[in-house]
Amino acid sequence: MEAPSILLFDGHCSLCNASVDFVLKRDTKKNLRFAAMQSPAGQRVLKHFDYPSTYLDSLILVEKGKVYLGSTAALRVARQLRRGWPLLYPLIILPKGFRDSIYQWIGANRYAWFGRRESCRMPTPSERARFLPLDYPL
């Protein structure tokens, strides 16, 4: 069995947390493990892949030891979801600069548009197994 992918997100971002809720409901094969970048597990992943501990610029997806950021990460996540969401993946053929400029524009405005949480998301007991434990092998 292949190791699940890791999705790091900004735990204070309301949009990011809503996105995690969305993905949790649609990742029926449980291919993803989640961690807020600010959490100890998230910080361990950031350090392992040489990102600064303060990194919050985009989602980080780790698949098979390779890191994907921004629109590429989002599209690769969509590809793993149920129903019609994998149909978005062909957008990967658009120039990365174009895709990422839209992603970065939304990211730069995410707190103003969607709000910011004072504390990071805590998984519910039923979600806990889907969140990255501190000792998860990288």
N, C-alpha and C. Protein backbone atom coordinates (compact mmCIF):
# COMPACT_ATOMS: atom_id res chain seq x y z
N MET A 1 0.84 -1.19 0.00
CA MET A 1 0.00 0.00 0.00
C MET A 1 0.88 1.24 0.00
N GLU A 2 0.52 2.20 -0.81
CA GLU A 2 1.27 3.43 -0.93
C GLU A 2 1.02 4.35 0.27
N ALA A 3 2.07 5.03 0.72
CA ALA A 3 1.94 5.96 1.84
C ALA A 3 1.03 7.12 1.45
N PRO A 4 0.16 7.55 2.38
CA PRO A 4 -0.71 8.69 2.07
C PRO A 4 0.11 9.95 1.81
N SER A 5 -0.44 10.83 1.00
CA SER A 5 0.17 12.13 0.76
C SER A 5 -0.09 13.01 1.98
N ILE A 6 0.72 14.05 2.11
CA ILE A 6 0.60 14.99 3.23
C ILE A 6 0.18 16.34 2.67
N LEU A 7 -0.83 16.95 3.27
CA LEU A 7 -1.27 18.27 2.88
C LEU A 7 -1.11 19.21 4.06
N LEU A 8 -0.20 20.18 3.92
CA LEU A 8 0.00 21.20 4.95
C LEU A 8 -0.81 22.43 4.58
N PHE A 9 -1.42 23.04 5.59
CA PHE A 9 -2.27 24.21 5.37
C PHE A 9 -2.05 25.22 6.49
N ASP A 10 -2.46 26.46 6.25
CA ASP A 10 -2.39 27.52 7.25
C ASP A 10 -3.53 27.29 8.23
N GLY A 11 -3.21 26.89 9.44
CA GLY A 11 -4.22 26.57 10.45
C GLY A 11 -5.01 27.76 10.94
N HIS A 12 -4.54 28.98 10.70
CA HIS A 12 -5.27 30.17 11.13
C HIS A 12 -6.21 30.69 10.05
N CYS A 13 -6.06 30.22 8.83
CA CYS A 13 -6.82 30.71 7.68
C CYS A 13 -8.18 30.03 7.60
N SER A 14 -9.25 30.82 7.64
CA SER A 14 -10.59 30.25 7.55
C SER A 14 -10.83 29.55 6.22
N LEU A 15 -10.34 30.14 5.12
CA LEU A 15 -10.48 29.51 3.80
C LEU A 15 -9.74 28.17 3.77
N CYS A 16 -8.55 28.14 4.30
CA CYS A 16 -7.76 26.90 4.31
C CYS A 16 -8.46 25.82 5.13
N ASN A 17 -9.01 26.19 6.28
CA ASN A 17 -9.73 25.23 7.11
C ASN A 17 -10.99 24.73 6.43
N ALA A 18 -11.71 25.61 5.75
CA ALA A 18 -12.88 25.19 4.99
C ALA A 18 -12.47 24.24 3.87
N SER A 19 -11.32 24.51 3.26
CA SER A 19 -10.81 23.63 2.21
C SER A 19 -10.48 22.25 2.76
N VAL A 20 -9.90 22.20 3.95
CA VAL A 20 -9.60 20.92 4.59
C VAL A 20 -10.90 20.15 4.86
N ASP A 21 -11.92 20.84 5.36
CA ASP A 21 -13.22 20.19 5.58
C ASP A 21 -13.75 19.61 4.27
N PHE A 22 -13.65 20.40 3.20
CA PHE A 22 -14.12 19.99 1.88
C PHE A 22 -13.39 18.72 1.43
N VAL A 23 -12.08 18.73 1.56
CA VAL A 23 -11.27 17.59 1.11
C VAL A 23 -11.52 16.36 1.99
N LEU A 24 -11.64 16.55 3.29
CA LEU A 24 -11.90 15.42 4.18
C LEU A 24 -13.16 14.66 3.76
N LYS A 25 -14.19 15.39 3.36
CA LYS A 25 -15.45 14.76 2.97
C LYS A 25 -15.35 14.03 1.64
N ARG A 26 -14.44 14.46 0.78
CA ARG A 26 -14.39 13.92 -0.58
C ARG A 26 -13.20 13.00 -0.84
N ASP A 27 -12.29 12.89 0.11
CA ASP A 27 -11.15 11.98 -0.01
C ASP A 27 -11.56 10.64 0.60
N THR A 28 -12.47 9.96 -0.08
CA THR A 28 -13.04 8.73 0.47
C THR A 28 -12.04 7.58 0.54
N LYS A 29 -10.99 7.65 -0.25
CA LYS A 29 -9.96 6.61 -0.20
C LYS A 29 -8.93 6.89 0.89
N LYS A 30 -9.08 8.04 1.54
CA LYS A 30 -8.20 8.44 2.65
C LYS A 30 -6.73 8.48 2.20
N ASN A 31 -6.52 9.10 1.03
CA ASN A 31 -5.17 9.23 0.47
C ASN A 31 -4.36 10.37 1.07
N LEU A 32 -5.00 11.21 1.87
CA LEU A 32 -4.33 12.41 2.38
C LEU A 32 -4.28 12.41 3.91
N ARG A 33 -3.17 12.92 4.42
CA ARG A 33 -3.02 13.23 5.84
C ARG A 33 -2.81 14.74 5.91
N PHE A 34 -3.33 15.35 6.96
CA PHE A 34 -3.34 16.81 7.08
C PHE A 34 -2.55 17.27 8.28
N ALA A 35 -1.99 18.49 8.17
CA ALA A 35 -1.36 19.13 9.32
C ALA A 35 -1.34 20.63 9.07
N ALA A 36 -1.65 21.37 10.11
CA ALA A 36 -1.48 22.82 10.03
C ALA A 36 0.03 23.09 10.02
N MET A 37 0.45 24.06 9.23
CA MET A 37 1.88 24.38 9.17
C MET A 37 2.41 24.81 10.53
N GLN A 38 1.54 25.39 11.35
CA GLN A 38 1.96 25.89 12.65
C GLN A 38 2.04 24.79 13.71
N SER A 39 1.51 23.61 13.42
CA SER A 39 1.52 22.51 14.39
C SER A 39 2.90 21.88 14.47
N PRO A 40 3.19 21.17 15.56
CA PRO A 40 4.49 20.49 15.64
C PRO A 40 4.74 19.54 14.45
N ALA A 41 3.72 18.79 14.04
CA ALA A 41 3.89 17.88 12.90
C ALA A 41 4.15 18.68 11.62
N GLY A 42 3.41 19.77 11.42
CA GLY A 42 3.62 20.62 10.25
C GLY A 42 5.00 21.24 10.25
N GLN A 43 5.46 21.69 11.40
CA GLN A 43 6.79 22.28 11.51
C GLN A 43 7.87 21.25 11.18
N ARG A 44 7.65 20.02 11.59
CA ARG A 44 8.61 18.95 11.28
C ARG A 44 8.70 18.72 9.77
N VAL A 45 7.56 18.73 9.08
CA VAL A 45 7.56 18.54 7.63
C VAL A 45 8.24 19.73 6.95
N LEU A 46 7.90 20.95 7.38
CA LEU A 46 8.55 22.14 6.80
C LEU A 46 10.07 22.04 6.94
N LYS A 47 10.54 21.70 8.12
CA LYS A 47 11.98 21.59 8.36
C LYS A 47 12.60 20.50 7.49
N HIS A 48 11.92 19.36 7.40
CA HIS A 48 12.44 18.23 6.62
C HIS A 48 12.65 18.62 5.15
N PHE A 49 11.76 19.45 4.62
CA PHE A 49 11.86 19.85 3.21
C PHE A 49 12.47 21.24 3.04
N ASP A 50 13.16 21.73 4.07
CA ASP A 50 13.92 22.99 4.03
C ASP A 50 13.07 24.23 3.75
N TYR A 51 11.87 24.27 4.35
CA TYR A 51 11.05 25.48 4.29
C TYR A 51 11.17 26.18 5.63
N PRO A 52 11.11 27.51 5.64
CA PRO A 52 11.19 28.22 6.92
C PRO A 52 9.97 27.92 7.80
N SER A 53 10.16 27.98 9.08
CA SER A 53 9.07 27.67 10.02
C SER A 53 7.92 28.65 9.90
N THR A 54 8.16 29.80 9.31
CA THR A 54 7.13 30.83 9.15
C THR A 54 6.40 30.74 7.81
N TYR A 55 6.70 29.73 7.00
CA TYR A 55 6.11 29.62 5.67
C TYR A 55 4.60 29.47 5.76
N LEU A 56 3.87 30.34 5.05
CA LEU A 56 2.42 30.27 4.98
C LEU A 56 1.91 30.68 3.60
N ASP A 57 2.79 30.70 2.61
CA ASP A 57 2.45 31.26 1.29
C ASP A 57 1.46 30.43 0.49
N SER A 58 1.41 29.13 0.68
CA SER A 58 0.51 28.29 -0.10
C SER A 58 0.36 26.94 0.57
N LEU A 59 -0.59 26.18 0.08
CA LEU A 59 -0.67 24.78 0.48
C LEU A 59 0.64 24.10 0.12
N ILE A 60 0.99 23.10 0.88
CA ILE A 60 2.13 22.25 0.53
C ILE A 60 1.60 20.82 0.48
N LEU A 61 1.78 20.19 -0.66
CA LEU A 61 1.40 18.80 -0.83
C LEU A 61 2.68 17.99 -1.00
N VAL A 62 2.82 16.95 -0.21
CA VAL A 62 3.95 16.03 -0.34
C VAL A 62 3.39 14.70 -0.84
N GLU A 63 3.81 14.33 -2.05
CA GLU A 63 3.41 13.06 -2.66
C GLU A 63 4.66 12.29 -3.03
N LYS A 64 4.76 11.09 -2.50
CA LYS A 64 5.90 10.22 -2.81
C LYS A 64 7.23 10.95 -2.63
N GLY A 65 7.34 11.74 -1.58
CA GLY A 65 8.57 12.45 -1.27
C GLY A 65 8.82 13.71 -2.07
N LYS A 66 7.91 14.08 -2.94
CA LYS A 66 8.07 15.29 -3.75
C LYS A 66 7.10 16.36 -3.28
N VAL A 67 7.56 17.61 -3.27
CA VAL A 67 6.76 18.73 -2.78
C VAL A 67 6.12 19.48 -3.94
N TYR A 68 4.83 19.79 -3.77
CA TYR A 68 4.08 20.59 -4.73
C TYR A 68 3.46 21.77 -3.98
N LEU A 69 3.46 22.93 -4.62
CA LEU A 69 2.95 24.14 -4.00
C LEU A 69 1.85 24.76 -4.84
N GLY A 70 1.11 25.68 -4.24
CA GLY A 70 0.17 26.54 -4.94
C GLY A 70 -0.86 25.80 -5.76
N SER A 71 -1.08 26.31 -6.98
CA SER A 71 -2.12 25.75 -7.85
C SER A 71 -1.82 24.30 -8.22
N THR A 72 -0.56 23.96 -8.33
CA THR A 72 -0.20 22.57 -8.66
C THR A 72 -0.63 21.65 -7.52
N ALA A 73 -0.38 22.06 -6.28
CA ALA A 73 -0.81 21.27 -5.12
C ALA A 73 -2.33 21.13 -5.11
N ALA A 74 -3.04 22.23 -5.33
CA ALA A 74 -4.50 22.20 -5.30
C ALA A 74 -5.07 21.27 -6.39
N LEU A 75 -4.51 21.34 -7.58
CA LEU A 75 -5.00 20.48 -8.66
C LEU A 75 -4.66 19.01 -8.41
N ARG A 76 -3.51 18.76 -7.83
CA ARG A 76 -3.15 17.36 -7.53
C ARG A 76 -4.05 16.80 -6.42
N VAL A 77 -4.48 17.65 -5.50
CA VAL A 77 -5.44 17.22 -4.48
C VAL A 77 -6.78 16.93 -5.14
N ALA A 78 -7.25 17.83 -6.00
CA ALA A 78 -8.54 17.64 -6.69
C ALA A 78 -8.57 16.32 -7.43
N ARG A 79 -7.44 15.94 -7.99
CA ARG A 79 -7.34 14.68 -8.74
C ARG A 79 -7.63 13.47 -7.86
N GLN A 80 -7.43 13.59 -6.56
CA GLN A 80 -7.63 12.46 -5.65
C GLN A 80 -9.03 12.39 -5.05
N LEU A 81 -9.88 13.37 -5.34
CA LEU A 81 -11.19 13.42 -4.72
C LEU A 81 -12.23 12.65 -5.52
N ARG A 82 -13.38 12.41 -4.91
CA ARG A 82 -14.46 11.68 -5.58
C ARG A 82 -15.31 12.63 -6.41
N ARG A 83 -16.15 12.02 -7.19
CA ARG A 83 -17.10 12.70 -8.08
C ARG A 83 -16.35 13.46 -9.17
N GLY A 84 -16.81 14.65 -9.51
CA GLY A 84 -16.27 15.36 -10.66
C GLY A 84 -15.00 16.15 -10.42
N TRP A 85 -14.51 16.20 -9.20
CA TRP A 85 -13.35 17.05 -8.90
C TRP A 85 -12.09 16.69 -9.69
N PRO A 86 -11.84 15.41 -9.99
CA PRO A 86 -10.66 15.10 -10.82
C PRO A 86 -10.72 15.73 -12.22
N LEU A 87 -11.91 16.13 -12.66
CA LEU A 87 -12.03 16.78 -13.96
C LEU A 87 -11.32 18.13 -14.01
N LEU A 88 -10.99 18.68 -12.85
CA LEU A 88 -10.24 19.94 -12.81
C LEU A 88 -8.76 19.74 -13.12
N TYR A 89 -8.27 18.52 -12.94
CA TYR A 89 -6.82 18.29 -13.10
C TYR A 89 -6.27 18.68 -14.47
N PRO A 90 -6.99 18.52 -15.58
CA PRO A 90 -6.43 18.96 -16.87
C PRO A 90 -6.06 20.44 -16.92
N LEU A 91 -6.54 21.24 -15.96
CA LEU A 91 -6.11 22.65 -15.91
C LEU A 91 -4.61 22.76 -15.66
N ILE A 92 -3.98 21.67 -15.28
CA ILE A 92 -2.53 21.64 -15.05
C ILE A 92 -1.77 22.02 -16.31
N ILE A 93 -2.40 21.89 -17.49
CA ILE A 93 -1.72 22.23 -18.74
C ILE A 93 -1.60 23.74 -18.94
N LEU A 94 -2.41 24.52 -18.19
CA LEU A 94 -2.27 25.98 -18.27
C LEU A 94 -0.90 26.37 -17.73
N PRO A 95 -0.34 27.45 -18.22
CA PRO A 95 0.98 27.86 -17.72
C PRO A 95 0.97 28.05 -16.19
N LYS A 96 1.97 27.49 -15.55
CA LYS A 96 2.07 27.55 -14.09
C LYS A 96 2.03 28.99 -13.58
N GLY A 97 2.70 29.89 -14.27
CA GLY A 97 2.70 31.29 -13.86
C GLY A 97 1.31 31.89 -13.84
N PHE A 98 0.49 31.53 -14.83
CA PHE A 98 -0.89 32.01 -14.89
C PHE A 98 -1.70 31.43 -13.73
N ARG A 99 -1.61 30.10 -13.57
CA ARG A 99 -2.36 29.43 -12.49
C ARG A 99 -1.96 29.97 -11.13
N ASP A 100 -0.65 30.09 -10.92
CA ASP A 100 -0.17 30.55 -9.62
C ASP A 100 -0.48 32.01 -9.36
N SER A 101 -0.56 32.84 -10.40
CA SER A 101 -0.90 34.25 -10.16
C SER A 101 -2.32 34.36 -9.60
N ILE A 102 -3.24 33.54 -10.09
CA ILE A 102 -4.61 33.53 -9.55
C ILE A 102 -4.60 32.98 -8.12
N TYR A 103 -3.88 31.89 -7.92
CA TYR A 103 -3.77 31.27 -6.60
C TYR A 103 -3.19 32.29 -5.60
N GLN A 104 -2.13 32.99 -5.99
CA GLN A 104 -1.48 33.95 -5.10
C GLN A 104 -2.37 35.16 -4.81
N TRP A 105 -3.17 35.58 -5.79
CA TRP A 105 -4.09 36.69 -5.58
C TRP A 105 -5.13 36.31 -4.51
N ILE A 106 -5.68 35.10 -4.62
CA ILE A 106 -6.63 34.64 -3.61
C ILE A 106 -5.93 34.51 -2.26
N GLY A 107 -4.73 33.94 -2.27
CA GLY A 107 -3.98 33.76 -1.03
C GLY A 107 -3.64 35.08 -0.35
N ALA A 108 -3.32 36.08 -1.12
CA ALA A 108 -2.97 37.38 -0.54
C ALA A 108 -4.18 38.07 0.11
N ASN A 109 -5.37 37.70 -0.32
CA ASN A 109 -6.59 38.31 0.20
C ASN A 109 -7.41 37.39 1.11
N ARG A 110 -6.90 36.20 1.39
CA ARG A 110 -7.71 35.20 2.08
C ARG A 110 -8.14 35.64 3.48
N TYR A 111 -7.30 36.32 4.23
CA TYR A 111 -7.69 36.75 5.57
C TYR A 111 -8.76 37.84 5.49
N ALA A 112 -8.61 38.78 4.56
CA ALA A 112 -9.58 39.87 4.42
C ALA A 112 -10.94 39.34 3.95
N TRP A 113 -10.93 38.42 3.02
CA TRP A 113 -12.18 37.91 2.46
C TRP A 113 -12.87 36.86 3.33
N PHE A 114 -12.08 35.99 3.95
CA PHE A 114 -12.66 34.84 4.65
C PHE A 114 -12.42 34.84 6.15
N GLY A 115 -11.51 35.66 6.62
CA GLY A 115 -11.24 35.75 8.05
C GLY A 115 -10.04 34.94 8.49
N ARG A 116 -9.66 35.21 9.73
CA ARG A 116 -8.51 34.55 10.33
C ARG A 116 -8.91 34.05 11.70
N ARG A 117 -8.55 32.83 11.99
CA ARG A 117 -8.82 32.24 13.30
C ARG A 117 -7.71 32.61 14.27
N GLU A 118 -8.07 32.73 15.52
CA GLU A 118 -7.07 33.05 16.55
C GLU A 118 -6.20 31.84 16.87
N SER A 119 -6.75 30.66 16.73
CA SER A 119 -5.98 29.45 17.03
C SER A 119 -6.13 28.46 15.88
N CYS A 120 -5.20 27.55 15.81
CA CYS A 120 -5.23 26.54 14.75
C CYS A 120 -6.36 25.55 14.96
N ARG A 121 -6.77 24.99 13.88
CA ARG A 121 -7.82 23.98 13.87
C ARG A 121 -7.38 22.76 14.66
N MET A 122 -8.28 22.24 15.46
CA MET A 122 -8.05 20.99 16.16
C MET A 122 -8.97 19.94 15.53
N PRO A 123 -8.43 18.81 15.12
CA PRO A 123 -9.29 17.79 14.51
C PRO A 123 -10.29 17.23 15.53
N THR A 124 -11.46 16.90 15.03
CA THR A 124 -12.45 16.24 15.88
C THR A 124 -11.95 14.82 16.16
N PRO A 125 -12.52 14.16 17.15
CA PRO A 125 -12.10 12.76 17.39
C PRO A 125 -12.24 11.87 16.14
N SER A 126 -13.28 12.09 15.34
CA SER A 126 -13.45 11.25 14.15
C SER A 126 -12.45 11.61 13.04
N GLU A 127 -11.89 12.80 13.08
CA GLU A 127 -10.91 13.23 12.08
C GLU A 127 -9.46 12.94 12.49
N ARG A 128 -9.25 12.67 13.76
CA ARG A 128 -7.89 12.58 14.31
C ARG A 128 -6.97 11.65 13.52
N ALA A 129 -7.47 10.52 13.06
CA ALA A 129 -6.65 9.56 12.31
C ALA A 129 -6.21 10.11 10.96
N ARG A 130 -6.88 11.14 10.47
CA ARG A 130 -6.54 11.73 9.17
C ARG A 130 -5.48 12.83 9.30
N PHE A 131 -5.17 13.23 10.54
CA PHE A 131 -4.18 14.27 10.77
C PHE A 131 -2.84 13.64 11.12
N LEU A 132 -1.80 14.30 10.67
CA LEU A 132 -0.45 13.78 10.75
C LEU A 132 0.04 13.69 12.20
N PRO A 133 0.44 12.51 12.65
CA PRO A 133 1.04 12.43 13.97
C PRO A 133 2.48 12.95 13.90
N LEU A 134 3.00 13.37 15.03
CA LEU A 134 4.35 13.94 15.07
C LEU A 134 5.41 12.95 14.61
N ASP A 135 5.20 11.67 14.83
CA ASP A 135 6.21 10.68 14.47
C ASP A 135 5.98 10.05 13.10
N TYR A 136 5.17 10.67 12.26
CA TYR A 136 4.88 10.13 10.93
C TYR A 136 6.19 10.07 10.11
N PRO A 137 6.48 8.93 9.48
CA PRO A 137 7.73 8.81 8.72
C PRO A 137 7.71 9.69 7.47
N LEU A 138 8.80 10.42 7.27
CA LEU A 138 8.88 11.31 6.10
C LEU A 138 9.79 10.74 5.05
